[in-house]
């Protein structure tokens, strides 16, 4: 059964696709059926730049356990960067 759980956020960064690097301006996050991962449901993240068309997309499908581990790793790295004085107000 589809969960229909999704959200979109604005992001600032870059992604690398088949055509090379491109700016990403949006992340689509959902918990639903993956397209490729061998899971019933997955946390799906698409980093996109809609202005550049469908080729400007980087997709990731993670198990819930992997997604939670990734969140913890991201928070840990950002905390270390902040403690070291490397984060500025624009980050």
Protein backbone atom coordinates (compact mmCIF):
# COMPACT_ATOMS: atom_id res chain seq x y z
CA UNK A 1 0.00 0.00 0.00
CA UNK A 2 1.31 3.47 -0.87
CA UNK A 3 1.93 5.74 2.09
CA UNK A 4 1.66 9.06 0.22
CA UNK A 5 4.06 10.53 2.84
CA UNK A 6 6.15 13.25 1.18
CA UNK A 7 7.51 16.74 1.53
CA UNK A 8 9.58 19.18 -0.49
CA UNK A 9 12.19 21.62 0.73
CA UNK A 10 14.37 24.25 -0.89
CA UNK A 11 18.07 23.43 -0.79
CA UNK A 12 21.28 25.06 -2.00
CA UNK A 13 24.00 22.81 -3.33
CA UNK A 14 25.18 20.72 -6.26
CA UNK A 15 24.62 17.19 -7.47
CA UNK A 16 26.36 15.04 -10.02
CA UNK A 17 24.31 13.26 -12.63
CA UNK A 18 25.03 11.55 -15.94
CA UNK A 19 25.80 14.93 -17.55
CA UNK A 20 28.12 16.13 -14.79
CA UNK A 21 27.63 18.59 -11.94
CA UNK A 22 24.58 20.85 -11.69
CA UNK A 23 23.02 23.12 -9.07
CA UNK A 24 20.24 21.59 -6.98
CA UNK A 25 17.48 23.80 -5.63
CA UNK A 26 14.94 21.35 -4.22
CA UNK A 27 14.83 18.06 -2.32
CA UNK A 28 11.80 15.81 -2.52
CA UNK A 29 11.64 13.46 0.46
CA UNK A 30 9.16 10.61 0.74
CA UNK A 31 8.60 7.34 2.55
CA UNK A 32 6.96 5.08 0.03
CA UNK A 33 7.68 2.31 -2.47
CA UNK A 34 11.16 2.63 -3.98
CA UNK A 35 11.73 2.31 -7.73
CA UNK A 36 14.86 0.18 -7.49
CA UNK A 37 15.86 -0.73 -3.92
CA UNK A 38 14.70 -4.24 -2.94
CA UNK A 39 12.52 -2.92 -0.10
CA UNK A 40 8.76 -2.75 0.44
CA UNK A 41 9.11 0.90 1.56
CA UNK A 42 12.09 3.23 1.61
CA UNK A 43 13.06 6.77 2.44
CA UNK A 44 13.39 8.29 -1.03
CA UNK A 45 15.29 11.52 -1.60
CA UNK A 46 15.43 13.28 -4.97
CA UNK A 47 17.72 16.29 -5.28
CA UNK A 48 16.55 18.27 -8.31
CA UNK A 49 16.79 21.44 -10.34
CA UNK A 50 13.46 21.60 -12.13
CA UNK A 51 14.61 24.51 -14.28
CA UNK A 52 17.13 22.17 -15.95
CA UNK A 53 14.61 19.42 -16.75
CA UNK A 54 14.30 15.76 -15.74
CA UNK A 55 18.00 14.99 -16.26
CA UNK A 56 18.97 17.27 -13.38
CA UNK A 57 18.12 14.74 -10.67
CA UNK A 58 20.03 12.70 -8.13
CA UNK A 59 17.94 10.04 -6.40
CA UNK A 60 18.63 7.93 -3.31
CA UNK A 61 16.50 5.15 -1.81
CA UNK A 62 17.40 4.08 1.73
CA UNK A 63 16.10 1.62 4.28
CA UNK A 64 14.64 3.31 7.36
CA UNK A 65 17.63 2.09 9.41
CA UNK A 66 20.10 3.53 6.88
CA UNK A 67 18.19 6.82 6.71
CA UNK A 68 18.31 7.20 10.50
CA UNK A 69 22.04 6.40 10.53
CA UNK A 70 22.59 9.00 7.81
CA UNK A 71 20.70 11.66 9.81
CA UNK A 72 22.87 10.89 12.85
CA UNK A 73 26.06 11.06 10.77
CA UNK A 74 25.05 14.38 9.20
CA UNK A 75 24.22 15.88 12.60
CA UNK A 76 27.50 14.62 14.08
CA UNK A 77 29.60 16.08 11.26
CA UNK A 78 27.79 19.44 11.40
CA UNK A 79 28.21 19.57 15.19
CA UNK A 80 31.96 18.98 14.81
CA UNK A 81 32.18 21.62 12.08
CA UNK A 82 30.26 24.08 14.25
CA UNK A 83 32.41 23.34 17.30
CA UNK A 84 35.49 23.91 15.18
CA UNK A 85 34.22 27.30 14.00
CA UNK A 86 33.83 26.20 10.38
CA UNK A 87 30.11 26.93 9.95
CA UNK A 88 29.05 30.41 9.02
CA UNK A 89 25.56 31.95 9.03
CA UNK A 90 25.02 31.10 5.35
CA UNK A 91 25.50 27.33 5.78
